[in-house]
Amino acid sequence: MSGINVDISEIKKELGLLAGKKVSHVWRGHGTYASLEVGEIHEKEVDSPKGKYLMKEGDWTLALDGDWKMYKGDGEIADSVNDDLKVLDFKLQLLKDLTIKSINLSDDKKSASIFFDKDLAITARSAEYGFISTKNYERKRSLVFEPTGEVKIES
């Protein structure tokens, strides 16, 4: 079931499953890539060229691959394009233990707003290098939002 295009009703249903779930772990990968691990954390030992390490993965992973900004109320507090990586690391930690209230996807599927409790939100926009994706730990499948507006299921 790799690379299957998804219709808008299935996309909204899938994103709706994240509403009410708690962000359990947050980390920033290469560059401005950010990963929000949602729900219960599952740990597994992983081998890498640098040695073994413990990987934390939530019931769901919400990955921000493109341009994103974080807001507190009406004010912008982080910008993945213009802020220093240390600032992004600090701001991303504000999301830990918050609950996702909703995720709104634009009609063209090239931007999304993620609303959390405590009046925090993230807006993510498509960029040439990515946008967003979700991964479900139990079902071993991902919903990948391409910069072109296409959305695919990958497993």
N, C-alpha and C. Protein backbone atom coordinates (compact mmCIF):
# COMPACT_ATOMS: atom_id res chain seq x y z
N MET A 1 0.84 -1.18 0.00
CA MET A 1 0.00 0.00 0.00
C MET A 1 0.88 1.24 0.00
N SER A 2 1.79 1.32 -0.90
CA SER A 2 2.73 2.43 -0.91
C SER A 2 2.39 3.43 -2.00
N GLY A 3 2.37 4.71 -1.65
CA GLY A 3 2.19 5.76 -2.63
C GLY A 3 0.78 5.90 -3.16
N ILE A 4 -0.24 5.49 -2.41
CA ILE A 4 -1.62 5.59 -2.87
C ILE A 4 -2.15 7.00 -2.57
N ASN A 5 -2.72 7.66 -3.60
CA ASN A 5 -3.32 8.97 -3.40
C ASN A 5 -4.53 8.86 -2.48
N VAL A 6 -4.75 9.88 -1.68
CA VAL A 6 -5.81 9.87 -0.67
C VAL A 6 -6.78 11.01 -0.95
N ASP A 7 -8.09 10.73 -0.78
CA ASP A 7 -9.07 11.80 -0.99
C ASP A 7 -9.22 12.63 0.28
N ILE A 8 -9.80 13.82 0.13
CA ILE A 8 -9.87 14.81 1.21
C ILE A 8 -10.64 14.29 2.43
N SER A 9 -11.68 13.47 2.23
CA SER A 9 -12.45 12.98 3.38
C SER A 9 -11.60 12.06 4.25
N GLU A 10 -10.77 11.22 3.63
CA GLU A 10 -9.89 10.35 4.41
C GLU A 10 -8.80 11.15 5.11
N ILE A 11 -8.31 12.19 4.44
CA ILE A 11 -7.28 13.05 5.05
C ILE A 11 -7.84 13.71 6.31
N LYS A 12 -9.02 14.29 6.20
CA LYS A 12 -9.62 14.98 7.36
C LYS A 12 -9.91 14.00 8.49
N LYS A 13 -10.36 12.81 8.13
CA LYS A 13 -10.62 11.79 9.15
C LYS A 13 -9.33 11.42 9.87
N GLU A 14 -8.26 11.21 9.12
CA GLU A 14 -6.96 10.83 9.70
C GLU A 14 -6.42 11.94 10.61
N LEU A 15 -6.46 13.19 10.13
CA LEU A 15 -5.98 14.31 10.95
C LEU A 15 -6.84 14.49 12.20
N GLY A 16 -8.13 14.22 12.07
CA GLY A 16 -9.04 14.33 13.21
C GLY A 16 -8.71 13.37 14.33
N LEU A 17 -8.07 12.26 14.00
CA LEU A 17 -7.68 11.28 15.03
C LEU A 17 -6.66 11.85 16.01
N LEU A 18 -5.94 12.87 15.60
CA LEU A 18 -4.92 13.46 16.47
C LEU A 18 -5.52 14.44 17.49
N ALA A 19 -6.73 14.92 17.23
CA ALA A 19 -7.37 15.86 18.16
C ALA A 19 -7.59 15.18 19.51
N GLY A 20 -7.25 15.90 20.57
CA GLY A 20 -7.39 15.37 21.92
C GLY A 20 -6.21 14.57 22.41
N LYS A 21 -5.21 14.38 21.56
CA LYS A 21 -4.02 13.61 21.94
C LYS A 21 -2.93 14.54 22.48
N LYS A 22 -2.16 14.02 23.41
CA LYS A 22 -1.09 14.79 24.06
C LYS A 22 0.23 14.63 23.33
N VAL A 23 0.98 15.72 23.23
CA VAL A 23 2.34 15.69 22.69
C VAL A 23 3.25 15.20 23.81
N SER A 24 3.84 14.03 23.63
CA SER A 24 4.64 13.40 24.69
C SER A 24 6.13 13.69 24.57
N HIS A 25 6.59 13.93 23.36
CA HIS A 25 8.02 14.15 23.13
C HIS A 25 8.17 15.02 21.88
N VAL A 26 9.11 15.94 21.92
CA VAL A 26 9.36 16.83 20.78
C VAL A 26 10.86 16.84 20.51
N TRP A 27 11.23 16.78 19.24
CA TRP A 27 12.65 16.87 18.90
C TRP A 27 12.81 17.49 17.52
N ARG A 28 13.96 18.10 17.34
CA ARG A 28 14.28 18.70 16.05
C ARG A 28 15.37 17.86 15.42
N GLY A 29 15.15 17.48 14.18
CA GLY A 29 16.12 16.68 13.46
C GLY A 29 17.07 17.58 12.68
N HIS A 30 17.43 17.16 11.50
CA HIS A 30 18.34 17.93 10.65
C HIS A 30 17.68 19.25 10.23
N GLY A 31 18.42 20.34 10.36
CA GLY A 31 17.89 21.65 9.97
C GLY A 31 16.68 22.02 10.81
N THR A 32 15.60 22.38 10.16
CA THR A 32 14.41 22.82 10.89
C THR A 32 13.33 21.74 10.97
N TYR A 33 13.66 20.53 10.52
CA TYR A 33 12.71 19.41 10.64
C TYR A 33 12.34 19.24 12.11
N ALA A 34 11.05 19.17 12.41
CA ALA A 34 10.60 18.99 13.78
C ALA A 34 9.66 17.79 13.85
N SER A 35 9.78 17.03 14.92
CA SER A 35 8.95 15.86 15.11
C SER A 35 8.22 15.97 16.44
N LEU A 36 6.90 15.84 16.38
CA LEU A 36 6.08 15.83 17.57
C LEU A 36 5.59 14.40 17.77
N GLU A 37 6.02 13.78 18.85
CA GLU A 37 5.61 12.41 19.16
C GLU A 37 4.36 12.52 20.03
N VAL A 38 3.28 11.95 19.55
CA VAL A 38 1.96 12.15 20.15
C VAL A 38 1.45 10.84 20.74
N GLY A 39 0.89 10.91 21.95
CA GLY A 39 0.36 9.72 22.61
C GLY A 39 1.44 9.00 23.38
N GLU A 40 1.21 7.72 23.63
CA GLU A 40 2.16 6.91 24.40
C GLU A 40 3.48 6.77 23.65
N ILE A 41 4.58 6.81 24.40
CA ILE A 41 5.91 6.69 23.81
C ILE A 41 6.32 5.22 23.77
N HIS A 42 6.87 4.82 22.62
CA HIS A 42 7.41 3.48 22.42
C HIS A 42 8.91 3.65 22.17
N GLU A 43 9.71 2.93 22.94
CA GLU A 43 11.16 3.04 22.80
C GLU A 43 11.71 1.79 22.13
N LYS A 44 12.69 2.01 21.25
CA LYS A 44 13.37 0.86 20.65
C LYS A 44 14.82 1.23 20.42
N GLU A 45 15.67 0.21 20.56
CA GLU A 45 17.10 0.42 20.36
C GLU A 45 17.40 0.37 18.86
N VAL A 46 18.16 1.33 18.40
CA VAL A 46 18.47 1.45 16.98
C VAL A 46 19.99 1.46 16.80
N ASP A 47 20.47 0.74 15.79
CA ASP A 47 21.89 0.77 15.44
C ASP A 47 22.12 1.87 14.42
N SER A 48 23.21 2.59 14.59
CA SER A 48 23.59 3.61 13.62
C SER A 48 25.11 3.58 13.47
N PRO A 49 25.65 4.26 12.48
CA PRO A 49 27.11 4.30 12.32
C PRO A 49 27.82 4.86 13.56
N LYS A 50 27.11 5.67 14.35
CA LYS A 50 27.71 6.25 15.56
C LYS A 50 27.48 5.39 16.79
N GLY A 51 26.83 4.25 16.63
CA GLY A 51 26.56 3.37 17.75
C GLY A 51 25.06 3.20 17.99
N LYS A 52 24.74 2.50 19.05
CA LYS A 52 23.33 2.25 19.38
C LYS A 52 22.76 3.43 20.15
N TYR A 53 21.47 3.67 19.92
CA TYR A 53 20.78 4.68 20.70
C TYR A 53 19.32 4.28 20.86
N LEU A 54 18.65 4.89 21.82
CA LEU A 54 17.26 4.60 22.12
C LEU A 54 16.38 5.60 21.37
N MET A 55 15.53 5.11 20.48
CA MET A 55 14.64 5.97 19.72
C MET A 55 13.27 6.00 20.39
N LYS A 56 12.73 7.21 20.55
CA LYS A 56 11.40 7.39 21.12
C LYS A 56 10.43 7.72 20.00
N GLU A 57 9.36 6.93 19.93
CA GLU A 57 8.36 7.12 18.90
C GLU A 57 6.98 7.09 19.56
N GLY A 58 6.13 8.06 19.23
CA GLY A 58 4.80 8.10 19.81
C GLY A 58 3.83 7.20 19.07
N ASP A 59 2.61 7.07 19.63
CA ASP A 59 1.54 6.37 18.91
C ASP A 59 1.38 6.99 17.53
N TRP A 60 1.58 8.30 17.49
CA TRP A 60 1.55 9.07 16.24
C TRP A 60 2.79 9.94 16.21
N THR A 61 3.31 10.16 15.03
CA THR A 61 4.36 11.16 14.82
C THR A 61 3.81 12.19 13.85
N LEU A 62 3.90 13.44 14.23
CA LEU A 62 3.54 14.54 13.35
C LEU A 62 4.83 15.26 13.01
N ALA A 63 5.25 15.15 11.74
CA ALA A 63 6.53 15.71 11.31
C ALA A 63 6.30 16.98 10.52
N LEU A 64 7.09 18.01 10.85
CA LEU A 64 7.05 19.28 10.14
C LEU A 64 8.29 19.35 9.26
N ASP A 65 8.10 19.14 7.96
CA ASP A 65 9.22 19.08 7.02
C ASP A 65 9.46 20.39 6.29
N GLY A 66 8.46 21.24 6.19
CA GLY A 66 8.55 22.47 5.40
C GLY A 66 8.78 23.68 6.28
N ASP A 67 8.34 24.82 5.81
CA ASP A 67 8.42 26.05 6.60
C ASP A 67 7.33 26.04 7.66
N TRP A 68 7.68 26.39 8.89
CA TRP A 68 6.67 26.46 9.93
C TRP A 68 6.94 27.63 10.87
N LYS A 69 5.86 28.10 11.46
CA LYS A 69 5.92 29.18 12.44
C LYS A 69 5.08 28.77 13.64
N MET A 70 5.50 29.25 14.80
CA MET A 70 4.75 28.99 16.03
C MET A 70 4.19 30.30 16.55
N TYR A 71 2.97 30.22 17.09
CA TYR A 71 2.29 31.40 17.61
C TYR A 71 1.81 31.16 19.02
N LYS A 72 1.85 32.22 19.83
CA LYS A 72 1.22 32.25 21.15
C LYS A 72 0.18 33.34 21.04
N GLY A 73 -1.09 32.97 21.08
CA GLY A 73 -2.15 33.94 20.82
C GLY A 73 -2.00 34.46 19.40
N ASP A 74 -1.99 35.78 19.24
CA ASP A 74 -1.83 36.38 17.91
C ASP A 74 -0.38 36.68 17.56
N GLY A 75 0.55 36.44 18.49
CA GLY A 75 1.95 36.81 18.26
C GLY A 75 2.83 35.65 17.81
N GLU A 76 3.65 35.89 16.81
CA GLU A 76 4.60 34.89 16.34
C GLU A 76 5.75 34.77 17.33
N ILE A 77 6.08 33.53 17.72
CA ILE A 77 7.18 33.33 18.67
C ILE A 77 8.32 32.50 18.08
N ALA A 78 8.12 31.88 16.92
CA ALA A 78 9.20 31.11 16.28
C ALA A 78 8.93 31.04 14.78
N ASP A 79 10.03 31.06 14.01
CA ASP A 79 9.96 31.01 12.55
C ASP A 79 11.08 30.10 12.06
N SER A 80 10.73 28.97 11.47
CA SER A 80 11.75 28.00 11.07
C SER A 80 12.69 28.52 10.00
N VAL A 81 12.27 29.52 9.26
CA VAL A 81 13.12 30.06 8.19
C VAL A 81 14.13 31.07 8.74
N ASN A 82 13.72 31.88 9.70
CA ASN A 82 14.55 33.00 10.13
C ASN A 82 15.18 32.88 11.51
N ASP A 83 14.71 31.97 12.34
CA ASP A 83 15.23 31.89 13.71
C ASP A 83 16.42 30.94 13.81
N ASP A 84 17.28 31.22 14.78
CA ASP A 84 18.41 30.37 15.10
C ASP A 84 17.90 29.00 15.56
N LEU A 85 18.64 27.94 15.26
CA LEU A 85 18.22 26.60 15.62
C LEU A 85 18.05 26.41 17.13
N LYS A 86 18.87 27.09 17.93
CA LYS A 86 18.74 26.99 19.38
C LYS A 86 17.42 27.59 19.85
N VAL A 87 16.99 28.67 19.20
CA VAL A 87 15.70 29.28 19.51
C VAL A 87 14.58 28.29 19.17
N LEU A 88 14.68 27.65 18.00
CA LEU A 88 13.67 26.67 17.60
C LEU A 88 13.59 25.51 18.58
N ASP A 89 14.76 25.01 19.02
CA ASP A 89 14.78 23.92 20.00
C ASP A 89 14.02 24.32 21.26
N PHE A 90 14.29 25.52 21.76
CA PHE A 90 13.65 26.01 22.97
C PHE A 90 12.14 26.14 22.77
N LYS A 91 11.73 26.76 21.68
CA LYS A 91 10.30 26.99 21.43
C LYS A 91 9.55 25.69 21.21
N LEU A 92 10.17 24.73 20.51
CA LEU A 92 9.50 23.45 20.29
C LEU A 92 9.19 22.74 21.60
N GLN A 93 10.05 22.91 22.61
CA GLN A 93 9.81 22.25 23.90
C GLN A 93 8.56 22.78 24.59
N LEU A 94 8.08 23.96 24.20
CA LEU A 94 6.84 24.50 24.77
C LEU A 94 5.65 23.61 24.44
N LEU A 95 5.77 22.80 23.39
CA LEU A 95 4.66 21.95 22.96
C LEU A 95 4.55 20.65 23.76
N LYS A 96 5.62 20.29 24.47
CA LYS A 96 5.62 19.04 25.24
C LYS A 96 4.52 19.09 26.30
N ASP A 97 3.77 18.02 26.37
CA ASP A 97 2.66 17.82 27.30
C ASP A 97 1.41 18.64 26.96
N LEU A 98 1.40 19.32 25.83
CA LEU A 98 0.19 20.02 25.41
C LEU A 98 -0.71 19.05 24.63
N THR A 99 -1.97 19.41 24.51
CA THR A 99 -2.94 18.60 23.79
C THR A 99 -3.25 19.25 22.45
N ILE A 100 -3.29 18.45 21.40
CA ILE A 100 -3.69 18.95 20.09
C ILE A 100 -5.21 19.14 20.11
N LYS A 101 -5.64 20.36 19.82
CA LYS A 101 -7.08 20.65 19.77
C LYS A 101 -7.65 20.33 18.39
N SER A 102 -6.94 20.74 17.35
CA SER A 102 -7.41 20.47 15.99
C SER A 102 -6.28 20.71 15.00
N ILE A 103 -6.46 20.17 13.80
CA ILE A 103 -5.55 20.41 12.68
C ILE A 103 -6.42 20.79 11.49
N ASN A 104 -6.16 21.98 10.96
CA ASN A 104 -6.92 22.47 9.80
C ASN A 104 -6.01 22.50 8.59
N LEU A 105 -6.43 21.84 7.54
CA LEU A 105 -5.67 21.77 6.29
C LEU A 105 -6.32 22.71 5.28
N SER A 106 -5.50 23.48 4.56
CA SER A 106 -6.04 24.38 3.54
C SER A 106 -6.63 23.58 2.39
N ASP A 107 -7.51 24.20 1.63
CA ASP A 107 -8.16 23.52 0.50
C ASP A 107 -7.16 23.03 -0.54
N ASP A 108 -6.07 23.78 -0.74
CA ASP A 108 -5.07 23.35 -1.73
C ASP A 108 -4.07 22.34 -1.16
N LYS A 109 -4.23 22.01 0.13
CA LYS A 109 -3.39 21.02 0.83
C LYS A 109 -1.92 21.42 0.84
N LYS A 110 -1.67 22.74 0.90
CA LYS A 110 -0.29 23.22 0.93
C LYS A 110 0.03 24.01 2.20
N SER A 111 -0.93 24.09 3.11
CA SER A 111 -0.66 24.69 4.42
C SER A 111 -1.61 24.07 5.44
N ALA A 112 -1.16 24.08 6.68
CA ALA A 112 -1.96 23.50 7.75
C ALA A 112 -1.72 24.30 9.02
N SER A 113 -2.75 24.38 9.84
CA SER A 113 -2.65 25.00 11.16
C SER A 113 -2.94 23.94 12.21
N ILE A 114 -2.06 23.86 13.18
CA ILE A 114 -2.20 22.89 14.26
C ILE A 114 -2.41 23.69 15.54
N PHE A 115 -3.55 23.47 16.20
CA PHE A 115 -3.90 24.23 17.39
C PHE A 115 -3.75 23.34 18.62
N PHE A 116 -3.10 23.93 19.65
CA PHE A 116 -2.85 23.23 20.90
C PHE A 116 -3.55 23.99 22.03
N ASP A 117 -3.64 23.34 23.19
CA ASP A 117 -4.14 24.10 24.34
C ASP A 117 -3.09 25.13 24.74
N LYS A 118 -3.38 25.94 25.73
CA LYS A 118 -2.52 27.03 26.20
C LYS A 118 -2.27 28.08 25.11
N ASP A 119 -3.20 28.17 24.15
CA ASP A 119 -3.18 29.22 23.12
C ASP A 119 -1.95 29.18 22.22
N LEU A 120 -1.39 27.99 22.03
CA LEU A 120 -0.26 27.83 21.11
C LEU A 120 -0.74 27.21 19.80
N ALA A 121 -0.09 27.60 18.71
CA ALA A 121 -0.43 27.06 17.40
C ALA A 121 0.81 27.03 16.52
N ILE A 122 0.78 26.15 15.55
CA ILE A 122 1.82 26.10 14.51
C ILE A 122 1.13 26.18 13.17
N THR A 123 1.69 27.00 12.29
CA THR A 123 1.26 26.96 10.90
C THR A 123 2.42 26.40 10.10
N ALA A 124 2.10 25.47 9.23
CA ALA A 124 3.11 24.83 8.39
C ALA A 124 2.74 25.10 6.94
N ARG A 125 3.75 25.46 6.16
CA ARG A 125 3.53 25.72 4.74
C ARG A 125 4.42 24.81 3.92
N SER A 126 3.92 24.44 2.77
CA SER A 126 4.68 23.63 1.85
C SER A 126 5.93 24.39 1.39
N ALA A 127 7.03 23.68 1.30
CA ALA A 127 8.28 24.22 0.77
C ALA A 127 8.81 23.21 -0.23
N GLU A 128 9.74 23.60 -1.05
CA GLU A 128 10.24 22.68 -2.09
C GLU A 128 10.83 21.41 -1.49
N TYR A 129 11.25 21.46 -0.23
CA TYR A 129 11.88 20.30 0.40
C TYR A 129 10.93 19.51 1.29
N GLY A 130 9.65 19.90 1.38
CA GLY A 130 8.73 19.12 2.17
C GLY A 130 7.57 19.93 2.72
N PHE A 131 6.72 19.27 3.49
CA PHE A 131 5.57 19.92 4.10
C PHE A 131 5.33 19.28 5.46
N ILE A 132 4.36 18.40 5.58
CA ILE A 132 4.12 17.68 6.83
C ILE A 132 3.83 16.22 6.52
N SER A 133 3.91 15.40 7.56
CA SER A 133 3.49 14.00 7.43
C SER A 133 3.04 13.51 8.79
N THR A 134 2.21 12.48 8.77
CA THR A 134 1.81 11.82 10.00
C THR A 134 2.20 10.35 9.86
N LYS A 135 2.51 9.73 10.98
CA LYS A 135 2.83 8.31 10.97
C LYS A 135 2.13 7.69 12.16
N ASN A 136 1.47 6.58 11.94
CA ASN A 136 0.80 5.86 13.01
C ASN A 136 1.65 4.65 13.38
N TYR A 137 2.07 4.59 14.63
CA TYR A 137 2.96 3.54 15.12
C TYR A 137 2.32 2.16 14.98
N GLU A 138 1.06 2.05 15.39
CA GLU A 138 0.40 0.74 15.41
C GLU A 138 0.09 0.23 14.00
N ARG A 139 -0.43 1.11 13.14
CA ARG A 139 -0.81 0.68 11.79
C ARG A 139 0.37 0.68 10.83
N LYS A 140 1.50 1.21 11.25
CA LYS A 140 2.71 1.24 10.41
C LYS A 140 2.44 1.88 9.05
N ARG A 141 1.72 3.00 9.08
CA ARG A 141 1.48 3.70 7.82
C ARG A 141 1.62 5.20 8.04
N SER A 142 1.95 5.88 6.97
CA SER A 142 2.17 7.32 7.02
C SER A 142 1.25 8.01 6.02
N LEU A 143 0.84 9.19 6.38
CA LEU A 143 0.12 10.09 5.48
C LEU A 143 1.11 11.18 5.14
N VAL A 144 1.53 11.24 3.88
CA VAL A 144 2.60 12.16 3.47
C VAL A 144 2.00 13.26 2.59
N PHE A 145 2.19 14.49 3.04
CA PHE A 145 1.70 15.67 2.32
C PHE A 145 2.85 16.20 1.48
N GLU A 146 2.72 16.10 0.18
CA GLU A 146 3.77 16.54 -0.74
C GLU A 146 3.68 18.05 -0.96
N PRO A 147 4.80 18.70 -1.30
CA PRO A 147 4.79 20.14 -1.57
C PRO A 147 3.84 20.53 -2.71
N THR A 148 3.51 19.58 -3.58
CA THR A 148 2.64 19.84 -4.73
C THR A 148 1.17 19.89 -4.35
N GLY A 149 0.83 19.49 -3.12
CA GLY A 149 -0.57 19.40 -2.70
C GLY A 149 -1.11 17.98 -2.74
N GLU A 150 -0.32 17.05 -3.30
CA GLU A 150 -0.75 15.65 -3.30
C GLU A 150 -0.56 15.07 -1.89
N VAL A 151 -1.44 14.16 -1.53
CA VAL A 151 -1.33 13.46 -0.25
C VAL A 151 -1.37 11.98 -0.54
N LYS A 152 -0.40 11.24 0.03
CA LYS A 152 -0.30 9.81 -0.24
C LYS A 152 -0.19 9.03 1.06
N ILE A 153 -0.69 7.81 1.01
CA ILE A 153 -0.49 6.86 2.10
C ILE A 153 0.73 6.02 1.75
N GLU A 154 1.63 5.89 2.71
CA GLU A 154 2.79 5.02 2.53
C GLU A 154 2.85 4.06 3.70
N SER A 155 3.22 2.84 3.41
CA SER A 155 3.35 1.87 4.50
C SER A 155 4.61 1.05 4.32
